[in-house]
Amino acid sequence: MTALDEAVRSAVGAVVDPELRRTLDDLGMVREVQVDGATARVGILLTIVGCPAADRIARDVTDAASRVAGIGEVDLEVGVMSREQREALTERLRGGRAARTIPFGPDSLTRVIAVTSGKGGVGKSTVTANLAVALAARGLSVGLVDADVHGFSIPGLLGLVDAEGRTAKPTRIDDLIVPPIAYDVKTVSIGMFLREGEERSAVAWRGPMLHRTVQQFLTDVFFGDLDVLLLDMPPGTGDVAISVGQLLPRAEVVVVTTPQAAASDVAIRSALVARQTGQRVAGVVENMAAMTLPDGSTLDLFGAGGGASVAAALSSEGDEVPVLASVPLSPALRQDADAGIPVVIAHPDDPAAVAIATLAGRLAAQPRGLAGRALPMRPA
């Protein structure tokens, strides 16, 4: 191989797959590179037939090879991996971990945060979606599981639903599921697996199906190396809450409530159930708090004090549960959510966006619990 061949191969191999977020060299997708005069003949292998990122990968590979000094033309040949090559790829992506196992166990350094609420309608999913994007904007690698199977809304909140109502689909590489990415957040939801035209149909599943769905999201979806995995939980203390407690007993819990007493009283119950399964309550978020009107007055539509009362009820001596954020009522938050653009991106100076960005900062600054984790240390 000539020096020019090596330069082109290096440039092509450094191209990053937009779905898997790994280089083509890491993924074994570069088949051959041969330079003839000023023409670079490049062969690459896509993971599957109909790969949704095919056009972008082809464009990026062509651009990368063209930028090499001495190359005037790129002849690109695109093929598809064989079954054996895909099996080798999925094994490499799992890092030796057996299939159907949860990578977020006791030894994982990924921080798992379940966002829960006692009742519906408190804005839990909107807070979760914006929190995920705010954490990603801080440079963290973030995954988001929409565990609210019956009332899934995360795809719409993150702009993963088009104007015709079609939800973005994950890519399947054999038994590995590669989730769509929105605003640098890797996201999975049951809405992505419904057939076209059924996105608005009801998911009428009972306990065993709900458990298997959440388990599959945690075992079969390839999130890669994450700093934070967020779970948008369904409201209440039902089957999914119990399943997540069993599958992720060391997860942290963030409780979302409104200032209203009726909401805060129920929110306490969801946190108590999480504690019964070994999860730790990281804090409380009060949503729909008082907003400041243009004349300087405040509108406390849902009252005041709900977040503080939940935090106080969950606190004990030596284990204080803080109010992590108070997110005010915000027309921009609602409008941006309907448009599929997180308010932290569309209107970062809005008071609600500022509060959620502050929430992300406080969670990112909290020390990661290492109790029960195996650390890579050996005695000298």
Protein backbone atom coordinates (compact mmCIF):
# COMPACT_ATOMS: atom_id res chain seq x y z
CA MET A 1 0.00 0.00 0.00
CA THR A 2 1.41 3.37 -1.02
CA ALA A 3 1.57 6.42 1.20
CA LEU A 4 -1.33 7.92 -0.76
CA ASP A 5 -3.37 4.75 -0.29
CA GLU A 6 -2.72 4.92 3.45
CA ALA A 7 -3.66 8.60 3.60
CA VAL A 8 -7.00 7.97 1.88
CA ARG A 9 -7.72 4.93 4.03
CA SER A 10 -6.95 6.92 7.18
CA ALA A 11 -9.24 9.75 6.07
CA VAL A 12 -12.08 7.39 5.16
CA GLY A 13 -11.67 5.30 8.31
CA ALA A 14 -12.00 8.41 10.47
CA VAL A 15 -15.50 9.15 9.12
CA VAL A 16 -18.07 8.71 11.92
CA ASP A 17 -21.25 6.69 11.42
CA PRO A 18 -24.01 9.18 12.39
CA GLU A 19 -26.14 6.49 14.08
CA LEU A 20 -23.56 4.39 15.88
CA ARG A 21 -21.24 7.34 16.64
CA ARG A 22 -18.16 5.23 15.90
CA THR A 23 -15.61 5.58 13.12
CA LEU A 24 -15.88 3.38 10.05
CA ASP A 25 -12.55 1.82 11.01
CA ASP A 26 -13.91 0.87 14.44
CA LEU A 27 -16.99 -0.64 12.83
CA GLY A 28 -15.11 -2.58 10.15
CA MET A 29 -17.00 -0.78 7.39
CA VAL A 30 -14.02 0.05 5.15
CA ARG A 31 -13.66 -2.78 2.66
CA GLU A 32 -10.87 -1.53 0.41
CA VAL A 33 -9.00 1.56 -0.72
CA GLN A 34 -6.94 1.76 -3.88
CA VAL A 35 -5.50 4.85 -5.53
CA ASP A 36 -4.90 4.87 -9.26
CA GLY A 37 -3.28 8.11 -10.32
CA ALA A 38 -5.50 10.86 -8.94
CA THR A 39 -8.52 8.56 -8.57
CA ALA A 40 -9.32 6.95 -5.23
CA ARG A 41 -11.40 3.78 -5.46
CA VAL A 42 -13.08 3.26 -2.11
CA GLY A 43 -15.28 0.37 -1.04
CA ILE A 44 -17.37 0.54 2.12
CA LEU A 45 -19.90 -1.83 3.71
CA LEU A 46 -23.15 -0.62 5.24
CA THR A 47 -24.58 -2.55 8.17
CA ILE A 48 -27.93 -3.36 6.55
CA VAL A 49 -29.80 -2.99 3.28
CA GLY A 50 -31.69 0.31 3.29
CA CYS A 51 -29.50 1.86 5.99
CA PRO A 52 -31.14 5.25 6.74
CA ALA A 53 -27.73 6.90 7.05
CA ALA A 54 -26.46 5.56 3.72
CA ASP A 55 -26.55 8.85 1.82
CA ARG A 56 -24.83 10.78 4.58
CA ILE A 57 -22.12 8.14 5.01
CA ALA A 58 -21.48 8.05 1.26
CA ARG A 59 -21.26 11.83 1.14
CA ASP A 60 -18.94 12.02 4.15
CA VAL A 61 -16.66 9.28 2.78
CA THR A 62 -16.46 10.98 -0.61
CA ASP A 63 -15.70 14.34 1.00
CA ALA A 64 -13.04 12.83 3.28
CA ALA A 65 -11.24 11.09 0.42
CA SER A 66 -11.47 14.16 -1.82
CA ARG A 67 -9.73 16.31 0.80
CA VAL A 68 -6.57 14.17 0.66
CA ALA A 69 -3.83 16.00 -1.25
CA GLY A 70 -3.32 14.41 -4.68
CA ILE A 71 -6.87 13.04 -5.02
CA GLY A 72 -8.95 14.57 -7.79
CA GLU A 73 -11.74 12.00 -8.12
CA VAL A 74 -13.40 9.46 -5.83
CA ASP A 75 -15.00 6.27 -7.14
CA LEU A 76 -17.15 4.97 -4.28
CA GLU A 77 -18.59 1.46 -4.18
CA VAL A 78 -21.16 0.75 -1.45
CA GLY A 79 -21.93 -2.79 -0.35
CA VAL A 80 -23.66 -4.45 2.60
CA MET A 81 -22.16 -6.55 5.37
CA SER A 82 -22.63 -10.30 5.36
CA ARG A 83 -24.39 -11.99 8.25
CA GLU A 84 -21.04 -13.04 9.71
CA GLN A 85 -19.72 -9.48 9.48
CA ARG A 86 -22.84 -8.11 11.20
CA GLU A 87 -22.51 -10.69 13.97
CA ALA A 88 -18.90 -9.65 14.50
CA LEU A 89 -19.99 -5.99 14.55
CA THR A 90 -22.74 -6.50 17.12
CA GLU A 91 -20.34 -8.48 19.29
CA ARG A 92 -17.85 -5.63 19.10
CA LEU A 93 -20.51 -3.05 19.93
CA ARG A 94 -21.57 -5.01 23.01
CA GLY A 95 -17.96 -5.05 24.16
CA GLY A 96 -18.10 -8.75 24.92
CA ARG A 97 -21.30 -8.39 26.93
CA ALA A 98 -23.71 -11.26 26.35
CA ALA A 99 -26.87 -10.51 24.39
CA ARG A 100 -30.06 -9.79 26.35
CA THR A 101 -28.20 -8.44 29.37
CA ILE A 102 -28.61 -4.95 30.84
CA PRO A 103 -25.42 -2.88 30.50
CA PHE A 104 -26.44 -0.53 33.33
CA GLY A 105 -25.77 -2.92 36.19
CA PRO A 106 -23.78 -2.44 39.41
CA ASP A 107 -20.43 -2.11 37.58
CA SER A 108 -21.66 0.48 35.07
CA LEU A 109 -20.51 4.06 35.44
CA THR A 110 -23.57 5.34 33.59
CA ARG A 111 -25.74 7.41 35.85
CA VAL A 112 -29.36 6.24 35.61
CA ILE A 113 -32.03 8.78 36.53
CA ALA A 114 -35.74 7.92 36.49
CA VAL A 115 -37.99 10.97 36.23
CA THR A 116 -41.29 10.18 37.89
CA SER A 117 -44.48 11.79 39.15
CA GLY A 118 -47.42 10.77 41.24
CA LYS A 119 -50.04 11.83 38.70
CA GLY A 120 -50.27 12.74 35.05
CA GLY A 121 -50.47 16.24 33.66
CA VAL A 122 -47.67 17.76 35.74
CA GLY A 123 -45.31 18.20 32.77
CA LYS A 124 -42.99 15.31 33.64
CA SER A 125 -42.25 14.33 30.03
CA THR A 126 -41.64 17.93 28.96
CA VAL A 127 -39.20 18.38 31.84
CA THR A 128 -37.48 15.07 31.00
CA ALA A 129 -37.06 15.87 27.31
CA ASN A 130 -35.65 19.32 28.01
CA LEU A 131 -33.42 18.00 30.80
CA ALA A 132 -31.95 15.39 28.45
CA VAL A 133 -31.16 18.03 25.83
CA ALA A 134 -29.73 20.40 28.46
CA LEU A 135 -27.43 17.65 29.76
CA ALA A 136 -26.29 16.83 26.22
CA ALA A 137 -25.59 20.53 25.63
CA ARG A 138 -23.19 20.35 28.58
CA GLY A 139 -21.14 17.81 26.65
CA LEU A 140 -22.50 14.68 28.31
CA SER A 141 -23.43 11.55 26.38
CA VAL A 142 -27.15 11.11 27.08
CA GLY A 143 -29.70 8.38 26.41
CA LEU A 144 -33.45 8.64 26.97
CA VAL A 145 -35.92 5.78 27.43
CA ASP A 146 -39.59 6.66 27.09
CA ALA A 147 -40.89 4.17 29.66
CA ASP A 148 -44.38 5.69 29.62
CA VAL A 149 -45.64 2.99 27.27
CA HIS A 150 -49.32 3.85 27.51
CA GLY A 151 -48.83 7.61 27.29
CA PHE A 152 -45.63 7.96 25.24
CA SER A 153 -44.89 11.54 24.15
CA ILE A 154 -41.10 11.84 24.01
CA PRO A 155 -40.80 11.43 20.19
CA GLY A 156 -43.11 14.39 19.61
CA LEU A 157 -41.38 16.54 22.22
CA LEU A 158 -37.99 15.94 20.57
CA GLY A 159 -39.14 16.50 16.98
CA LEU A 160 -38.95 12.81 16.03
CA VAL A 161 -42.45 12.94 14.50
CA ASP A 162 -42.78 14.50 11.03
CA ALA A 163 -45.57 16.71 9.68
CA GLU A 164 -47.51 13.64 8.49
CA GLY A 165 -47.41 12.08 11.94
CA ARG A 166 -44.75 9.49 11.11
CA THR A 167 -42.40 8.68 13.98
CA ALA A 168 -38.69 8.14 13.37
CA LYS A 169 -37.77 4.46 13.39
CA PRO A 170 -34.74 2.83 14.98
CA THR A 171 -32.30 0.84 12.84
CA ARG A 172 -32.08 -2.89 13.48
CA ILE A 173 -28.76 -4.68 13.09
CA ASP A 174 -29.83 -8.28 13.66
CA ASP A 175 -31.02 -8.27 17.31
CA LEU A 176 -29.41 -4.92 18.10
CA ILE A 177 -31.58 -1.78 18.00
CA VAL A 178 -29.89 1.53 17.14
CA PRO A 179 -32.04 4.41 18.45
CA PRO A 180 -32.72 7.67 16.59
CA ILE A 181 -30.83 10.73 17.81
CA ALA A 182 -32.43 14.11 18.45
CA TYR A 183 -30.47 17.10 19.74
CA ASP A 184 -27.60 14.69 20.57
CA VAL A 185 -29.88 12.53 22.73
CA LYS A 186 -30.23 8.84 21.83
CA THR A 187 -33.91 8.12 22.24
CA VAL A 188 -36.18 5.07 22.24
CA SER A 189 -39.95 4.90 22.66
CA ILE A 190 -42.68 2.36 21.96
CA GLY A 191 -44.09 4.89 19.49
CA MET A 192 -41.13 4.10 17.21
CA PHE A 193 -42.20 0.47 16.90
CA LEU A 194 -45.85 0.97 15.96
CA ARG A 195 -46.75 0.37 12.34
CA GLU A 196 -47.20 3.40 10.10
CA GLY A 197 -50.69 4.77 10.54
CA GLU A 198 -51.02 3.33 14.04
CA GLU A 199 -48.99 5.99 15.86
CA ARG A 200 -52.16 7.37 17.47
CA SER A 201 -53.61 4.00 18.40
CA ALA A 202 -53.79 2.93 22.04
CA VAL A 203 -51.19 0.55 23.49
CA ALA A 204 -53.42 -1.63 25.67
CA TRP A 205 -50.88 -3.86 27.41
CA ARG A 206 -50.88 -5.40 30.86
CA GLY A 207 -48.05 -6.11 33.30
CA PRO A 208 -46.02 -8.87 31.58
CA MET A 209 -45.93 -7.05 28.23
CA LEU A 210 -44.96 -3.79 29.90
CA HIS A 211 -42.12 -5.52 31.77
CA ARG A 212 -40.80 -7.16 28.61
CA THR A 213 -40.93 -3.86 26.72
CA VAL A 214 -38.93 -1.97 29.32
CA GLN A 215 -36.49 -4.86 29.60
CA GLN A 216 -35.98 -4.93 25.84
CA PHE A 217 -35.33 -1.18 25.78
CA LEU A 218 -32.58 -1.73 28.35
CA THR A 219 -31.02 -4.86 26.82
CA ASP A 220 -31.39 -4.65 23.04
CA VAL A 221 -31.04 -0.90 22.38
CA PHE A 222 -27.45 0.13 21.64
CA PHE A 223 -26.83 3.36 23.51
CA GLY A 224 -23.06 3.05 23.52
CA ASP A 225 -21.08 4.59 26.37
CA LEU A 226 -23.42 6.94 28.23
CA ASP A 227 -22.76 9.43 30.97
CA VAL A 228 -26.47 9.64 31.81
CA LEU A 229 -29.49 7.49 31.00
CA LEU A 230 -32.83 9.17 31.68
CA LEU A 231 -36.09 7.28 31.95
CA ASP A 232 -39.38 9.10 31.44
CA MET A 233 -41.56 7.08 33.78
CA PRO A 234 -45.33 6.73 33.63
CA PRO A 235 -47.19 8.50 36.42
CA GLY A 236 -48.08 6.58 39.53
CA THR A 237 -46.79 3.42 41.15
CA GLY A 238 -47.86 0.73 38.69
CA ASP A 239 -46.21 -2.11 36.79
CA VAL A 240 -43.51 -0.10 35.01
CA ALA A 241 -42.34 1.56 38.22
CA ILE A 242 -41.98 -1.85 39.85
CA SER A 243 -40.22 -3.30 36.78
CA VAL A 244 -37.72 -0.45 36.63
CA GLY A 245 -37.07 -0.89 40.34
CA GLN A 246 -36.29 -4.56 39.75
CA LEU A 247 -34.20 -4.01 36.60
CA LEU A 248 -32.35 -0.88 37.78
CA PRO A 249 -32.35 -1.01 41.59
CA ARG A 250 -29.50 1.52 41.88
CA ALA A 251 -31.17 4.17 39.75
CA GLU A 252 -31.75 7.65 41.11
CA VAL A 253 -35.20 9.23 41.07
CA VAL A 254 -36.19 12.81 40.32
CA VAL A 255 -39.77 13.55 41.36
CA VAL A 256 -41.75 16.09 39.34
CA THR A 257 -44.74 17.80 40.94
CA THR A 258 -46.73 21.00 40.63
CA PRO A 259 -47.17 23.48 43.50
CA GLN A 260 -50.71 22.17 43.98
CA ALA A 261 -51.22 20.11 47.15
CA ALA A 262 -53.23 17.44 45.32
CA ALA A 263 -50.28 16.77 43.02
CA SER A 264 -47.59 16.96 45.67
CA ASP A 265 -49.34 14.51 47.99
CA VAL A 266 -49.46 11.88 45.23
CA ALA A 267 -45.89 12.60 44.13
CA ILE A 268 -44.62 11.51 47.53
CA ARG A 269 -46.06 8.03 46.97
CA SER A 270 -44.12 7.51 43.72
CA ALA A 271 -40.87 8.35 45.51
CA LEU A 272 -41.66 5.99 48.39
CA VAL A 273 -42.22 3.10 45.96
CA ALA A 274 -38.88 3.87 44.32
CA ARG A 275 -37.17 3.73 47.70
CA GLN A 276 -38.76 0.37 48.45
CA THR A 277 -36.92 -1.07 45.43
CA GLY A 278 -33.57 0.40 46.51
CA GLN A 279 -33.56 3.53 44.38
CA ARG A 280 -32.37 6.86 45.78
CA VAL A 281 -34.39 10.07 45.54
CA ALA A 282 -32.02 12.66 44.07
CA GLY A 283 -34.41 15.57 44.39
CA VAL A 284 -37.68 17.25 43.50
CA VAL A 285 -38.60 19.46 40.55
CA GLU A 286 -41.53 21.83 40.98
CA ASN A 287 -43.08 22.46 37.57
CA MET A 288 -45.72 25.06 36.63
CA ALA A 289 -44.56 27.35 39.42
CA ALA A 290 -45.48 31.04 39.59
CA MET A 291 -44.63 33.06 36.49
CA THR A 292 -43.73 36.74 36.39
CA LEU A 293 -46.10 38.81 34.25
CA PRO A 294 -45.01 41.80 32.12
CA ASP A 295 -46.21 44.26 34.77
CA GLY A 296 -43.99 42.62 37.41
CA SER A 297 -46.77 40.82 39.22
CA THR A 298 -46.81 37.04 39.60
CA LEU A 299 -49.36 34.44 38.59
CA ASP A 300 -49.38 31.35 40.82
CA LEU A 301 -52.06 29.44 38.93
CA PHE A 302 -51.42 26.20 40.83
CA GLY A 303 -50.64 27.69 44.22
CA ALA A 304 -47.26 27.53 45.91
CA GLY A 305 -45.11 25.32 48.10
CA GLY A 306 -45.78 21.90 46.56
CA GLY A 307 -42.16 21.19 45.68
CA ALA A 308 -40.90 22.17 49.11
CA SER A 309 -43.54 20.04 50.84
CA VAL A 310 -42.60 16.96 48.78
CA ALA A 311 -38.90 17.48 49.52
CA ALA A 312 -39.60 17.91 53.24
CA ALA A 313 -41.78 14.81 53.38
CA LEU A 314 -39.07 12.72 51.70
CA SER A 315 -36.20 14.07 53.76
CA SER A 316 -34.91 12.44 56.90
CA GLU A 317 -32.01 13.03 59.26
CA GLY A 318 -28.82 12.55 57.27
CA ASP A 319 -30.70 12.21 53.96
CA GLU A 320 -31.99 15.59 52.86
CA VAL A 321 -33.91 15.64 49.57
CA PRO A 322 -33.46 19.01 47.85
CA VAL A 323 -35.73 20.98 45.55
CA LEU A 324 -33.53 20.88 42.47
CA ALA A 325 -35.50 23.40 40.40
CA SER A 326 -38.68 25.43 40.27
CA VAL A 327 -39.80 25.71 36.64
CA PRO A 328 -42.26 28.57 36.10
CA LEU A 329 -45.31 28.48 33.87
CA SER A 330 -44.16 29.39 30.37
CA PRO A 331 -46.06 29.88 27.10
CA ALA A 332 -42.78 29.31 25.23
CA LEU A 333 -42.28 25.95 26.94
CA ARG A 334 -45.71 24.80 25.80
CA GLN A 335 -45.41 26.22 22.27
CA ASP A 336 -41.95 24.75 21.72
CA ALA A 337 -43.07 21.37 23.05
CA ASP A 338 -45.93 21.32 20.53
CA ALA A 339 -43.44 22.20 17.77
CA GLY A 340 -41.02 19.44 18.79
CA ILE A 341 -38.23 21.88 19.70
CA PRO A 342 -37.03 21.87 23.32
CA VAL A 343 -37.35 25.29 24.92
CA VAL A 344 -33.73 25.04 26.12
CA ILE A 345 -32.76 25.16 22.43
CA ALA A 346 -35.47 27.38 20.94
CA HIS A 347 -35.64 30.00 23.72
CA PRO A 348 -32.68 29.47 26.07
CA ASP A 349 -33.33 32.81 27.82
CA ASP A 350 -36.93 31.93 28.73
CA PRO A 351 -37.30 31.59 32.54
CA ALA A 352 -38.41 27.95 32.18
CA ALA A 353 -35.40 27.16 29.99
CA VAL A 354 -33.07 28.83 32.46
CA ALA A 355 -34.58 26.80 35.31
CA ILE A 356 -34.15 23.52 33.41
CA ALA A 357 -30.58 24.40 32.42
CA THR A 358 -29.90 25.08 36.11
CA LEU A 359 -31.46 21.70 36.94
CA ALA A 360 -29.11 20.03 34.46
CA GLY A 361 -26.17 21.79 36.07
CA ARG A 362 -27.16 20.72 39.56
CA LEU A 363 -27.64 17.08 38.54
CA ALA A 364 -24.36 17.05 36.61
CA ALA A 365 -22.56 18.46 39.66
CA GLN A 366 -23.98 15.90 42.10
CA PRO A 367 -21.44 13.18 42.94
CA ARG A 368 -22.12 9.82 41.33
CA GLY A 369 -22.88 7.15 43.87
CA LEU A 370 -20.31 4.35 43.80
CA ALA A 371 -21.79 2.16 46.53
CA GLY A 372 -21.91 -1.44 45.38
CA ARG A 373 -19.89 -0.77 42.23
CA ALA A 374 -16.75 -2.70 41.34
CA LEU A 375 -13.89 -0.27 40.79
CA PRO A 376 -10.97 -1.09 38.46
CA MET A 377 -8.39 -1.16 41.28
CA ARG A 378 -6.02 -3.82 42.51
CA PRO A 379 -3.78 -3.79 45.60
CA ALA A 380 -0.15 -2.99 44.83
